[in-house]
Amino acid sequence: MKASIKLTALLLLASAGLFAATPAKSAKADVPSVTISTLASNKGVAVKAAEAKSLVMIYDQDKNVLRKDVLASNASKGYILNKLENGDYTMEVTANSQTVKKHIHVYEEDGAKTFIVQE
């Protein structure tokens, strides 16, 4: 009899623990607020801002600001890079207190300007 009382109490305690536990909050997936991709023409990059106003800045290797733009929320804009001089550049996009930096190397290959976006 004592064993059945202990077993009943144990099952009651276990079931109460299951129902009393607070459910885990469903965490919002870490969706990047900024997307940087290559333009279809492969002459530059496109910046897409999600849900917030974004600040786009392009620097040369000496940290001189070459371009500064503000994008509205859910807006996108393309930046032509093959018109830049050969060298290293930095693209910095800030939105929702998140900053994404991409290093870009512009060079000439077979007589045509091209670029590499480094991760």
PDB file of N, CA and C in Angstrom:
ATOM      1  N   MET A   1       0.810  -1.185   0.000  1.00  0.00           N
ATOM      2  CA  MET A   1       0.000   0.000   0.000  1.00  0.00           C
ATOM      3  C   MET A   1       0.857   1.253   0.000  1.00  0.00           C
ATOM      4  N   LYS A   2       1.932   1.247   0.795  1.00  0.00           N
ATOM      5  CA  LYS A   2       2.805   2.412   0.833  1.00  0.00           C
ATOM      6  C   LYS A   2       3.454   2.649  -0.525  1.00  0.00           C
ATOM      7  N   ALA A   3       3.778   1.582  -1.244  1.00  0.00           N
ATOM      8  CA  ALA A   3       4.400   1.719  -2.562  1.00  0.00           C
ATOM      9  C   ALA A   3       3.444   2.384  -3.539  1.00  0.00           C
ATOM     10  N   SER A   4       2.164   2.037  -3.492  1.00  0.00           N
ATOM     11  CA  SER A   4       1.196   2.634  -4.415  1.00  0.00           C
ATOM     12  C   SER A   4       0.963   4.109  -4.079  1.00  0.00           C
ATOM     13  N   ILE A   5       0.999   4.471  -2.796  1.00  0.00           N
ATOM     14  CA  ILE A   5       0.846   5.874  -2.407  1.00  0.00           C
ATOM     15  C   ILE A   5       2.042   6.679  -2.883  1.00  0.00           C
ATOM     16  N   LYS A   6       3.245   6.105  -2.724  1.00  0.00           N
ATOM     17  CA  LYS A   6       4.459   6.788  -3.183  1.00  0.00           C
ATOM     18  C   LYS A   6       4.432   6.963  -4.699  1.00  0.00           C
ATOM     19  N   LEU A   7       4.002   5.914  -5.409  1.00  0.00           N
ATOM     20  CA  LEU A   7       3.947   5.967  -6.873  1.00  0.00           C
ATOM     21  C   LEU A   7       2.921   7.011  -7.325  1.00  0.00           C
ATOM     22  N   THR A   8       1.755   7.072  -6.686  1.00  0.00           N
ATOM     23  CA  THR A   8       0.724   8.043  -7.027  1.00  0.00           C
ATOM     24  C   THR A   8       1.223   9.470  -6.773  1.00  0.00           C
ATOM     25  N   ALA A   9       1.879   9.666  -5.634  1.00  0.00           N
ATOM     26  CA  ALA A   9       2.414  10.987  -5.316  1.00  0.00           C
ATOM     27  C   ALA A   9       3.484  11.394  -6.319  1.00  0.00           C
ATOM     28  N   LEU A  10       4.317  10.450  -6.713  1.00  0.00           N
ATOM     29  CA  LEU A  10       5.372  10.735  -7.684  1.00  0.00           C
ATOM     30  C   LEU A  10       4.777  11.106  -9.048  1.00  0.00           C
ATOM     31  N   LEU A  11       3.761  10.360  -9.492  1.00  0.00           N
ATOM     32  CA  LEU A  11       3.110  10.665 -10.773  1.00  0.00           C
ATOM     33  C   LEU A  11       2.394  12.016 -10.714  1.00  0.00           C
ATOM     34  N   LEU A  12       1.755  12.302  -9.583  1.00  0.00           N
ATOM     35  CA  LEU A  12       1.083  13.582  -9.419  1.00  0.00           C
ATOM     36  C   LEU A  12       2.071  14.738  -9.470  1.00  0.00           C
ATOM     37  N   LEU A  13       3.212  14.564  -8.835  1.00  0.00           N
ATOM     38  CA  LEU A  13       4.256  15.589  -8.836  1.00  0.00           C
ATOM     39  C   LEU A  13       4.842  15.783 -10.234  1.00  0.00           C
ATOM     40  N   ALA A  14       5.064  14.684 -10.935  1.00  0.00           N
ATOM     41  CA  ALA A  14       5.624  14.773 -12.290  1.00  0.00           C
ATOM     42  C   ALA A  14       4.650  15.453 -13.240  1.00  0.00           C
ATOM     43  N   SER A  15       3.356  15.108 -13.159  1.00  0.00           N
ATOM     44  CA  SER A  15       2.380  15.724 -14.066  1.00  0.00           C
ATOM     45  C   SER A  15       2.195  17.211 -13.736  1.00  0.00           C
ATOM     46  N   ALA A  16       2.251  17.562 -12.455  1.00  0.00           N
ATOM     47  CA  ALA A  16       2.145  18.978 -12.084  1.00  0.00           C
ATOM     48  C   ALA A  16       3.339  19.755 -12.613  1.00  0.00           C
ATOM     49  N   GLY A  17       4.504  19.146 -12.615  1.00  0.00           N
ATOM     50  CA  GLY A  17       5.704  19.798 -13.143  1.00  0.00           C
ATOM     51  C   GLY A  17       5.604  20.041 -14.637  1.00  0.00           C
ATOM     52  N   LEU A  18       4.982  19.117 -15.355  1.00  0.00           N
ATOM     53  CA  LEU A  18       4.830  19.289 -16.803  1.00  0.00           C
ATOM     54  C   LEU A  18       3.893  20.440 -17.144  1.00  0.00           C
ATOM     55  N   PHE A  19       2.783  20.522 -16.425  1.00  0.00           N
ATOM     56  CA  PHE A  19       1.803  21.551 -16.733  1.00  0.00           C
ATOM     57  C   PHE A  19       2.181  22.915 -16.167  1.00  0.00           C
ATOM     58  N   ALA A  20       2.994  22.956 -15.144  1.00  0.00           N
ATOM     59  CA  ALA A  20       3.367  24.221 -14.521  1.00  0.00           C
ATOM     60  C   ALA A  20       4.545  24.889 -15.217  1.00  0.00           C
ATOM     61  N   ALA A  21       5.272  24.147 -16.031  1.00  0.00           N
ATOM     62  CA  ALA A  21       6.444  24.706 -16.706  1.00  0.00           C
ATOM     63  C   ALA A  21       6.001  25.775 -17.694  1.00  0.00           C
ATOM     64  N   THR A  22       6.717  26.872 -17.716  1.00  0.00           N
ATOM     65  CA  THR A  22       6.390  27.933 -18.651  1.00  0.00           C
ATOM     66  C   THR A  22       6.884  27.535 -20.039  1.00  0.00           C
ATOM     67  N   PRO A  23       6.071  27.758 -21.039  1.00  0.00           N
ATOM     68  CA  PRO A  23       6.500  27.388 -22.392  1.00  0.00           C
ATOM     69  C   PRO A  23       7.631  28.294 -22.866  1.00  0.00           C
ATOM     70  N   ALA A  24       8.499  27.719 -23.655  1.00  0.00           N
ATOM     71  CA  ALA A  24       9.606  28.496 -24.206  1.00  0.00           C
ATOM     72  C   ALA A  24       9.061  29.518 -25.182  1.00  0.00           C
ATOM     73  N   LYS A  25       9.588  30.719 -25.116  1.00  0.00           N
ATOM     74  CA  LYS A  25       9.165  31.763 -26.041  1.00  0.00           C
ATOM     75  C   LYS A  25       9.694  31.417 -27.428  1.00  0.00           C
ATOM     76  N   SER A  26       8.854  31.613 -28.399  1.00  0.00           N
ATOM     77  CA  SER A  26       9.309  31.368 -29.762  1.00  0.00           C
ATOM     78  C   SER A  26      10.171  32.553 -30.173  1.00  0.00           C
ATOM     79  N   ALA A  27      11.439  32.278 -30.291  1.00  0.00           N
ATOM     80  CA  ALA A  27      12.387  33.345 -30.626  1.00  0.00           C
ATOM     81  C   ALA A  27      12.221  33.725 -32.083  1.00  0.00           C
ATOM     82  N   LYS A  28      12.213  35.004 -32.334  1.00  0.00           N
ATOM     83  CA  LYS A  28      12.138  35.488 -33.707  1.00  0.00           C
ATOM     84  C   LYS A  28      13.435  35.101 -34.399  1.00  0.00           C
ATOM     85  N   ALA A  29      13.306  34.487 -35.545  1.00  0.00           N
ATOM     86  CA  ALA A  29      14.489  34.056 -36.283  1.00  0.00           C
ATOM     87  C   ALA A  29      15.368  35.263 -36.587  1.00  0.00           C
ATOM     88  N   ASP A  30      16.670  35.064 -36.508  1.00  0.00           N
ATOM     89  CA  ASP A  30      17.597  36.152 -36.786  1.00  0.00           C
ATOM     90  C   ASP A  30      17.623  36.428 -38.284  1.00  0.00           C
ATOM     91  N   VAL A  31      16.686  37.224 -38.708  1.00  0.00           N
ATOM     92  CA  VAL A  31      16.619  37.621 -40.108  1.00  0.00           C
ATOM     93  C   VAL A  31      17.512  38.842 -40.267  1.00  0.00           C
ATOM     94  N   PRO A  32      18.479  38.756 -41.150  1.00  0.00           N
ATOM     95  CA  PRO A  32      19.334  39.920 -41.307  1.00  0.00           C
ATOM     96  C   PRO A  32      18.523  41.120 -41.781  1.00  0.00           C
ATOM     97  N   SER A  33      18.795  42.273 -41.191  1.00  0.00           N
ATOM     98  CA  SER A  33      18.050  43.461 -41.577  1.00  0.00           C
ATOM     99  C   SER A  33      18.629  44.097 -42.839  1.00  0.00           C
ATOM    100  N   VAL A  34      19.776  43.593 -43.288  1.00  0.00           N
ATOM    101  CA  VAL A  34      20.436  44.115 -44.482  1.00  0.00           C
ATOM    102  C   VAL A  34      20.883  42.942 -45.349  1.00  0.00           C
ATOM    103  N   THR A  35      20.610  43.047 -46.647  1.00  0.00           N
ATOM    104  CA  THR A  35      21.067  42.034 -47.595  1.00  0.00           C
ATOM    105  C   THR A  35      21.897  42.725 -48.667  1.00  0.00           C
ATOM    106  N   ILE A  36      23.103  42.202 -48.905  1.00  0.00           N
ATOM    107  CA  ILE A  36      23.972  42.729 -49.953  1.00  0.00           C
ATOM    108  C   ILE A  36      24.180  41.616 -50.965  1.00  0.00           C
ATOM    109  N   SER A  37      23.823  41.882 -52.220  1.00  0.00           N
ATOM    110  CA  SER A  37      23.951  40.871 -53.265  1.00  0.00           C
ATOM    111  C   SER A  37      24.500  41.509 -54.540  1.00  0.00           C
ATOM    112  N   THR A  38      24.934  40.674 -55.457  1.00  0.00           N
ATOM    113  CA  THR A  38      25.482  41.157 -56.725  1.00  0.00           C
ATOM    114  C   THR A  38      24.347  41.535 -57.675  1.00  0.00           C
ATOM    115  N   LEU A  39      24.517  42.630 -58.398  1.00  0.00           N
ATOM    116  CA  LEU A  39      23.533  43.022 -59.407  1.00  0.00           C
ATOM    117  C   LEU A  39      23.528  42.009 -60.539  1.00  0.00           C
ATOM    118  N   ALA A  40      22.406  41.919 -61.220  1.00  0.00           N
ATOM    119  CA  ALA A  40      22.273  40.963 -62.316  1.00  0.00           C
ATOM    120  C   ALA A  40      23.292  41.218 -63.422  1.00  0.00           C
ATOM    121  N   SER A  41      23.636  42.471 -63.645  1.00  0.00           N
ATOM    122  CA  SER A  41      24.593  42.817 -64.704  1.00  0.00           C
ATOM    123  C   SER A  41      26.025  42.531 -64.283  1.00  0.00           C
ATOM    124  N   ASN A  42      26.231  42.190 -63.004  1.00  0.00           N
ATOM    125  CA  ASN A  42      27.546  41.886 -62.442  1.00  0.00           C
ATOM    126  C   ASN A  42      28.492  43.084 -62.520  1.00  0.00           C
ATOM    127  N   LYS A  43      27.924  44.301 -62.493  1.00  0.00           N
ATOM    128  CA  LYS A  43      28.737  45.516 -62.507  1.00  0.00           C
ATOM    129  C   LYS A  43      28.775  46.185 -61.144  1.00  0.00           C
ATOM    130  N   GLY A  44      28.031  45.640 -60.179  1.00  0.00           N
ATOM    131  CA  GLY A  44      27.977  46.249 -58.866  1.00  0.00           C
ATOM    132  C   GLY A  44      27.208  45.394 -57.885  1.00  0.00           C
ATOM    133  N   VAL A  45      26.801  46.020 -56.781  1.00  0.00           N
ATOM    134  CA  VAL A  45      26.074  45.302 -55.735  1.00  0.00           C
ATOM    135  C   VAL A  45      24.752  46.003 -55.451  1.00  0.00           C
ATOM    136  N   ALA A  46      23.802  45.235 -54.939  1.00  0.00           N
ATOM    137  CA  ALA A  46      22.507  45.763 -54.530  1.00  0.00           C
ATOM    138  C   ALA A  46      22.408  45.649 -53.018  1.00  0.00           C
ATOM    139  N   VAL A  47      21.883  46.682 -52.389  1.00  0.00           N
ATOM    140  CA  VAL A  47      21.672  46.690 -50.949  1.00  0.00           C
ATOM    141  C   VAL A  47      20.173  46.752 -50.716  1.00  0.00           C
ATOM    142  N   LYS A  48      19.659  45.820 -49.905  1.00  0.00           N
ATOM    143  CA  LYS A  48      18.237  45.803 -49.569  1.00  0.00           C
ATOM    144  C   LYS A  48      18.101  45.924 -48.066  1.00  0.00           C
ATOM    145  N   ALA A  49      17.316  46.909 -47.647  1.00  0.00           N
ATOM    146  CA  ALA A  49      17.061  47.140 -46.223  1.00  0.00           C
ATOM    147  C   ALA A  49      15.706  46.545 -45.872  1.00  0.00           C
ATOM    148  N   ALA A  50      15.621  45.940 -44.698  1.00  0.00           N
ATOM    149  CA  ALA A  50      14.369  45.340 -44.257  1.00  0.00           C
ATOM    150  C   ALA A  50      13.884  46.021 -42.983  1.00  0.00           C
ATOM    151  N   GLU A  51      12.660  46.490 -43.006  1.00  0.00           N
ATOM    152  CA  GLU A  51      11.948  46.988 -41.836  1.00  0.00           C
ATOM    153  C   GLU A  51      12.544  48.209 -41.138  1.00  0.00           C
ATOM    154  N   ALA A  52      13.586  48.776 -41.647  1.00  0.00           N
ATOM    155  CA  ALA A  52      14.155  49.950 -40.969  1.00  0.00           C
ATOM    156  C   ALA A  52      14.909  50.804 -41.968  1.00  0.00           C
ATOM    157  N   LYS A  53      15.030  52.064 -41.638  1.00  0.00           N
ATOM    158  CA  LYS A  53      15.834  52.965 -42.447  1.00  0.00           C
ATOM    159  C   LYS A  53      17.288  52.543 -42.315  1.00  0.00           C
ATOM    160  N   SER A  54      18.032  52.586 -43.409  1.00  0.00           N
ATOM    161  CA  SER A  54      19.424  52.135 -43.411  1.00  0.00           C
ATOM    162  C   SER A  54      20.343  53.238 -43.903  1.00  0.00           C
ATOM    163  N   LEU A  55      21.554  53.221 -43.394  1.00  0.00           N
ATOM    164  CA  LEU A  55      22.597  54.151 -43.814  1.00  0.00           C
ATOM    165  C   LEU A  55      23.664  53.351 -44.551  1.00  0.00           C
ATOM    166  N   VAL A  56      23.926  53.729 -45.805  1.00  0.00           N
ATOM    167  CA  VAL A  56      24.928  53.052 -46.633  1.00  0.00           C
ATOM    168  C   VAL A  56      26.097  54.003 -46.835  1.00  0.00           C
ATOM    169  N   MET A  57      27.306  53.529 -46.526  1.00  0.00           N
ATOM    170  CA  MET A  57      28.506  54.345 -46.721  1.00  0.00           C
ATOM    171  C   MET A  57      29.553  53.517 -47.455  1.00  0.00           C
ATOM    172  N   ILE A  58      30.210  54.152 -48.411  1.00  0.00           N
ATOM    173  CA  ILE A  58      31.299  53.500 -49.147  1.00  0.00           C
ATOM    174  C   ILE A  58      32.557  54.315 -48.911  1.00  0.00           C
ATOM    175  N   TYR A  59      33.597  53.639 -48.438  1.00  0.00           N
ATOM    176  CA  TYR A  59      34.881  54.269 -48.124  1.00  0.00           C
ATOM    177  C   TYR A  59      35.955  53.744 -49.073  1.00  0.00           C
ATOM    178  N   ASP A  60      36.964  54.572 -49.322  1.00  0.00           N
ATOM    179  CA  ASP A  60      38.137  54.063 -50.031  1.00  0.00           C
ATOM    180  C   ASP A  60      39.138  53.543 -49.003  1.00  0.00           C
ATOM    181  N   GLN A  61      40.296  53.118 -49.486  1.00  0.00           N
ATOM    182  CA  GLN A  61      41.280  52.514 -48.577  1.00  0.00           C
ATOM    183  C   GLN A  61      41.871  53.512 -47.595  1.00  0.00           C
ATOM    184  N   ASP A  62      41.730  54.807 -47.868  1.00  0.00           N
ATOM    185  CA  ASP A  62      42.221  55.839 -46.951  1.00  0.00           C
ATOM    186  C   ASP A  62      41.125  56.341 -46.010  1.00  0.00           C
ATOM    187  N   LYS A  63      39.995  55.635 -45.963  1.00  0.00           N
ATOM    188  CA  LYS A  63      38.851  55.969 -45.095  1.00  0.00           C
ATOM    189  C   LYS A  63      38.133  57.254 -45.503  1.00  0.00           C
ATOM    190  N   ASN A  64      38.315  57.682 -46.747  1.00  0.00           N
ATOM    191  CA  ASN A  64      37.568  58.826 -47.274  1.00  0.00           C
ATOM    192  C   ASN A  64      36.183  58.337 -47.704  1.00  0.00           C
ATOM    193  N   VAL A  65      35.147  59.068 -47.328  1.00  0.00           N
ATOM    194  CA  VAL A  65      33.784  58.688 -47.689  1.00  0.00           C
ATOM    195  C   VAL A  65      33.541  59.053 -49.152  1.00  0.00           C
ATOM    196  N   LEU A  66      33.228  58.044 -49.964  1.00  0.00           N
ATOM    197  CA  LEU A  66      32.946  58.276 -51.378  1.00  0.00           C
ATOM    198  C   LEU A  66      31.449  58.419 -51.636  1.00  0.00           C
ATOM    199  N   ARG A  67      30.664  57.731 -50.849  1.00  0.00           N
ATOM    200  CA  ARG A  67      29.210  57.749 -51.048  1.00  0.00           C
ATOM    201  C   ARG A  67      28.519  57.553 -49.710  1.00  0.00           C
ATOM    202  N   LYS A  68      27.453  58.312 -49.483  1.00  0.00           N
ATOM    203  CA  LYS A  68      26.653  58.181 -48.271  1.00  0.00           C
ATOM    204  C   LYS A  68      25.194  58.291 -48.681  1.00  0.00           C
ATOM    205  N   ASP A  69      24.416  57.244 -48.404  1.00  0.00           N
ATOM    206  CA  ASP A  69      23.004  57.207 -48.778  1.00  0.00           C
ATOM    207  C   ASP A  69      22.175  56.757 -47.592  1.00  0.00           C
ATOM    208  N   VAL A  70      20.927  57.220 -47.582  1.00  0.00           N
ATOM    209  CA  VAL A  70      19.957  56.735 -46.612  1.00  0.00           C
ATOM    210  C   VAL A  70      18.863  56.028 -47.400  1.00  0.00           C
ATOM    211  N   LEU A  71      18.613  54.760 -47.052  1.00  0.00           N
ATOM    212  CA  LEU A  71      17.566  53.981 -47.713  1.00  0.00           C
ATOM    213  C   LEU A  71      16.354  53.905 -46.802  1.00  0.00           C
ATOM    214  N   ALA A  72      15.175  54.072 -47.367  1.00  0.00           N
ATOM    215  CA  ALA A  72      13.941  53.909 -46.601  1.00  0.00           C
ATOM    216  C   ALA A  72      13.760  52.434 -46.259  1.00  0.00           C
ATOM    217  N   SER A  73      12.878  52.150 -45.311  1.00  0.00           N
ATOM    218  CA  SER A  73      12.647  50.754 -44.948  1.00  0.00           C
ATOM    219  C   SER A  73      12.070  49.994 -46.140  1.00  0.00           C
ATOM    220  N   ASN A  74      12.456  48.748 -46.251  1.00  0.00           N
ATOM    221  CA  ASN A  74      12.050  47.850 -47.341  1.00  0.00           C
ATOM    222  C   ASN A  74      12.417  48.396 -48.716  1.00  0.00           C
ATOM    223  N   ALA A  75      13.474  49.169 -48.798  1.00  0.00           N
ATOM    224  CA  ALA A  75      13.935  49.721 -50.074  1.00  0.00           C
ATOM    225  C   ALA A  75      15.211  49.013 -50.501  1.00  0.00           C
ATOM    226  N   SER A  76      15.512  49.096 -51.763  1.00  0.00           N
ATOM    227  CA  SER A  76      16.771  48.544 -52.262  1.00  0.00           C
ATOM    228  C   SER A  76      17.374  49.519 -53.266  1.00  0.00           C
ATOM    229  N   LYS A  77      18.690  49.432 -53.411  1.00  0.00           N
ATOM    230  CA  LYS A  77      19.384  50.329 -54.328  1.00  0.00           C
ATOM    231  C   LYS A  77      20.625  49.622 -54.839  1.00  0.00           C
ATOM    232  N   GLY A  78      20.959  49.856 -56.092  1.00  0.00           N
ATOM    233  CA  GLY A  78      22.145  49.264 -56.691  1.00  0.00           C
ATOM    234  C   GLY A  78      23.282  50.268 -56.743  1.00  0.00           C
ATOM    235  N   TYR A  79      24.482  49.775 -56.564  1.00  0.00           N
ATOM    236  CA  TYR A  79      25.687  50.598 -56.609  1.00  0.00           C
ATOM    237  C   TYR A  79      26.624  50.002 -57.651  1.00  0.00           C
ATOM    238  N   ILE A  80      26.936  50.801 -58.682  1.00  0.00           N
ATOM    239  CA  ILE A  80      27.826  50.366 -59.758  1.00  0.00           C
ATOM    240  C   ILE A  80      29.258  50.516 -59.272  1.00  0.00           C
ATOM    241  N   LEU A  81      30.006  49.427 -59.299  1.00  0.00           N
ATOM    242  CA  LEU A  81      31.363  49.436 -58.763  1.00  0.00           C
ATOM    243  C   LEU A  81      32.444  49.425 -59.838  1.00  0.00           C
ATOM    244  N   ASN A  82      32.097  49.058 -61.066  1.00  0.00           N
ATOM    245  CA  ASN A  82      33.146  48.963 -62.088  1.00  0.00           C
ATOM    246  C   ASN A  82      33.600  50.335 -62.592  1.00  0.00           C
ATOM    247  N   LYS A  83      33.010  51.409 -62.095  1.00  0.00           N
ATOM    248  CA  LYS A  83      33.466  52.759 -62.442  1.00  0.00           C
ATOM    249  C   LYS A  83      34.511  53.275 -61.458  1.00  0.00           C
ATOM    250  N   LEU A  84      34.735  52.534 -60.364  1.00  0.00           N
ATOM    251  CA  LEU A  84      35.727  52.940 -59.364  1.00  0.00           C
ATOM    252  C   LEU A  84      37.139  52.643 -59.858  1.00  0.00           C
ATOM    253  N   GLU A  85      38.094  53.367 -59.332  1.00  0.00           N
ATOM    254  CA  GLU A  85      39.502  53.088 -59.629  1.00  0.00           C
ATOM    255  C   GLU A  85      39.886  51.748 -59.008  1.00  0.00           C
ATOM    256  N   ASN A  86      40.919  51.127 -59.548  1.00  0.00           N
ATOM    257  CA  ASN A  86      41.408  49.880 -58.965  1.00  0.00           C
ATOM    258  C   ASN A  86      41.834  50.136 -57.520  1.00  0.00           C
ATOM    259  N   GLY A  87      41.495  49.219 -56.628  1.00  0.00           N
ATOM    260  CA  GLY A  87      41.883  49.371 -55.231  1.00  0.00           C
ATOM    261  C   GLY A  87      40.907  48.688 -54.292  1.00  0.00           C
ATOM    262  N   ASP A  88      41.073  48.969 -53.020  1.00  0.00           N
ATOM    263  CA  ASP A  88      40.263  48.361 -51.974  1.00  0.00           C
ATOM    264  C   ASP A  88      39.276  49.377 -51.418  1.00  0.00           C
ATOM    265  N   TYR A  89      38.048  48.919 -51.188  1.00  0.00           N
ATOM    266  CA  TYR A  89      36.973  49.764 -50.690  1.00  0.00           C
ATOM    267  C   TYR A  89      36.225  49.008 -49.593  1.00  0.00           C
ATOM    268  N   THR A  90      35.482  49.764 -48.799  1.00  0.00           N
ATOM    269  CA  THR A  90      34.654  49.176 -47.749  1.00  0.00           C
ATOM    270  C   THR A  90      33.241  49.711 -47.885  1.00  0.00           C
ATOM    271  N   MET A  91      32.274  48.797 -47.885  1.00  0.00           N
ATOM    272  CA  MET A  91      30.860  49.184 -47.883  1.00  0.00           C
ATOM    273  C   MET A  91      30.325  48.853 -46.495  1.00  0.00           C
ATOM    274  N   GLU A  92      29.716  49.846 -45.862  1.00  0.00           N
ATOM    275  CA  GLU A  92      29.186  49.686 -44.511  1.00  0.00           C
ATOM    276  C   GLU A  92      27.711  50.057 -44.528  1.00  0.00           C
ATOM    277  N   VAL A  93      26.859  49.123 -44.109  1.00  0.00           N
ATOM    278  CA  VAL A  93      25.416  49.352 -44.076  1.00  0.00           C
ATOM    279  C   VAL A  93      24.946  49.178 -42.638  1.00  0.00           C
ATOM    280  N   THR A  94      24.273  50.194 -42.094  1.00  0.00           N
ATOM    281  CA  THR A  94      23.789  50.155 -40.716  1.00  0.00           C
ATOM    282  C   THR A  94      22.269  50.267 -40.715  1.00  0.00           C
ATOM    283  N   ALA A  95      21.617  49.295 -40.047  1.00  0.00           N
ATOM    284  CA  ALA A  95      20.164  49.299 -39.890  1.00  0.00           C
ATOM    285  C   ALA A  95      19.819  48.542 -38.619  1.00  0.00           C
ATOM    286  N   ASN A  96      18.850  49.038 -37.875  1.00  0.00           N
ATOM    287  CA  ASN A  96      18.421  48.387 -36.625  1.00  0.00           C
ATOM    288  C   ASN A  96      19.582  48.128 -35.684  1.00  0.00           C
ATOM    289  N   SER A  97      20.461  49.077 -35.558  1.00  0.00           N
ATOM    290  CA  SER A  97      21.668  48.962 -34.719  1.00  0.00           C
ATOM    291  C   SER A  97      22.517  47.754 -35.085  1.00  0.00           C
ATOM    292  N   GLN A  98      22.394  47.289 -36.318  1.00  0.00           N
ATOM    293  CA  GLN A  98      23.225  46.208 -36.845  1.00  0.00           C
ATOM    294  C   GLN A  98      24.039  46.782 -37.994  1.00  0.00           C
ATOM    295  N   THR A  99      25.344  46.551 -37.967  1.00  0.00           N
ATOM    296  CA  THR A  99      26.217  47.054 -39.025  1.00  0.00           C
ATOM    297  C   THR A  99      26.816  45.882 -39.794  1.00  0.00           C
ATOM    298  N   VAL A 100      26.689  45.962 -41.113  1.00  0.00           N
ATOM    299  CA  VAL A 100      27.267  44.949 -41.997  1.00  0.00           C
ATOM    300  C   VAL A 100      28.364  45.626 -42.800  1.00  0.00           C
ATOM    301  N   LYS A 101      29.576  45.075 -42.722  1.00  0.00           N
ATOM    302  CA  LYS A 101      30.705  45.616 -43.482  1.00  0.00           C
ATOM    303  C   LYS A 101      31.159  44.589 -44.507  1.00  0.00           C
ATOM    304  N   LYS A 102      31.379  45.063 -45.702  1.00  0.00           N
ATOM    305  CA  LYS A 102      31.906  44.222 -46.774  1.00  0.00           C
ATOM    306  C   LYS A 102      33.121  44.913 -47.367  1.00  0.00           C
ATOM    307  N   HIS A 103      34.173  44.166 -47.554  1.00  0.00           N
ATOM    308  CA  HIS A 103      35.383  44.685 -48.182  1.00  0.00           C
ATOM    309  C   HIS A 103      35.314  44.329 -49.662  1.00  0.00           C
ATOM    310  N   ILE A 104      35.592  45.316 -50.499  1.00  0.00           N
ATOM    311  CA  ILE A 104      35.465  45.150 -51.944  1.00  0.00           C
ATOM    312  C   ILE A 104      36.800  45.469 -52.586  1.00  0.00           C
ATOM    313  N   HIS A 105      37.242  44.572 -53.458  1.00  0.00           N
ATOM    314  CA  HIS A 105      38.489  44.789 -54.195  1.00  0.00           C
ATOM    315  C   HIS A 105      38.132  44.958 -55.666  1.00  0.00           C
ATOM    316  N   VAL A 106      38.446  46.137 -56.226  1.00  0.00           N
ATOM    317  CA  VAL A 106      38.187  46.438 -57.635  1.00  0.00           C
ATOM    318  C   VAL A 106      39.497  46.298 -58.390  1.00  0.00           C
ATOM    319  N   TYR A 107      39.454  45.553 -59.505  1.00  0.00           N
ATOM    320  CA  TYR A 107      40.659  45.337 -60.291  1.00  0.00           C
ATOM    321  C   TYR A 107      40.281  45.163 -61.760  1.00  0.00           C
ATOM    322  N   GLU A 108      41.288  45.128 -62.609  1.00  0.00           N
ATOM    323  CA  GLU A 108      41.060  44.977 -64.035  1.00  0.00           C
ATOM    324  C   GLU A 108      41.493  43.575 -64.461  1.00  0.00           C
ATOM    325  N   GLU A 109      40.629  42.917 -65.212  1.00  0.00           N
ATOM    326  CA  GLU A 109      40.923  41.563 -65.695  1.00  0.00           C
ATOM    327  C   GLU A 109      40.524  41.473 -67.160  1.00  0.00           C
ATOM    328  N   ASP A 110      41.477  41.130 -68.004  1.00  0.00           N
ATOM    329  CA  ASP A 110      41.259  41.029 -69.455  1.00  0.00           C
ATOM    330  C   ASP A 110      40.652  42.304 -70.031  1.00  0.00           C
ATOM    331  N   GLY A 111      41.124  43.455 -69.566  1.00  0.00           N
ATOM    332  CA  GLY A 111      40.689  44.738 -70.094  1.00  0.00           C
ATOM    333  C   GLY A 111      39.357  45.228 -69.567  1.00  0.00           C
ATOM    334  N   ALA A 112      38.748  44.504 -68.659  1.00  0.00           N
ATOM    335  CA  ALA A 112      37.458  44.925 -68.106  1.00  0.00           C
ATOM    336  C   ALA A 112      37.556  45.027 -66.586  1.00  0.00           C
ATOM    337  N   LYS A 113      36.877  46.037 -66.040  1.00  0.00           N
ATOM    338  CA  LYS A 113      36.856  46.198 -64.578  1.00  0.00           C
ATOM    339  C   LYS A 113      35.974  45.127 -63.964  1.00  0.00           C
ATOM    340  N   THR A 114      36.419  44.604 -62.861  1.00  0.00           N
ATOM    341  CA  THR A 114      35.627  43.631 -62.098  1.00  0.00           C
ATOM    342  C   THR A 114      35.905  43.846 -60.618  1.00  0.00           C
ATOM    343  N   PHE A 115      35.196  43.132 -59.791  1.00  0.00           N
ATOM    344  CA  PHE A 115      35.366  43.326 -58.357  1.00  0.00           C
ATOM    345  C   PHE A 115      35.099  42.009 -57.627  1.00  0.00           C
ATOM    346  N   ILE A 116      35.611  41.965 -56.412  1.00  0.00           N
ATOM    347  CA  ILE A 116      35.378  40.833 -55.514  1.00  0.00           C
ATOM    348  C   ILE A 116      34.834  41.408 -54.212  1.00  0.00           C
ATOM    349  N   VAL A 117      33.728  40.856 -53.736  1.00  0.00           N
ATOM    350  CA  VAL A 117      33.179  41.233 -52.438  1.00  0.00           C
ATOM    351  C   VAL A 117      33.620  40.173 -51.451  1.00  0.00           C
ATOM    352  N   GLN A 118      34.422  40.573 -50.492  1.00  0.00           N
ATOM    353  CA  GLN A 118      34.957  39.632 -49.516  1.00  0.00           C
ATOM    354  C   GLN A 118      34.026  39.545 -48.324  1.00  0.00           C
ATOM    355  N   GLU A 119      33.859  38.345 -47.815  1.00  0.00           N
ATOM    356  CA  GLU A 119      32.980  38.122 -46.652  1.00  0.00           C
ATOM    357  C   GLU A 119      33.641  38.535 -45.381  1.00  0.00           C
TER     358      GLU A 119
END
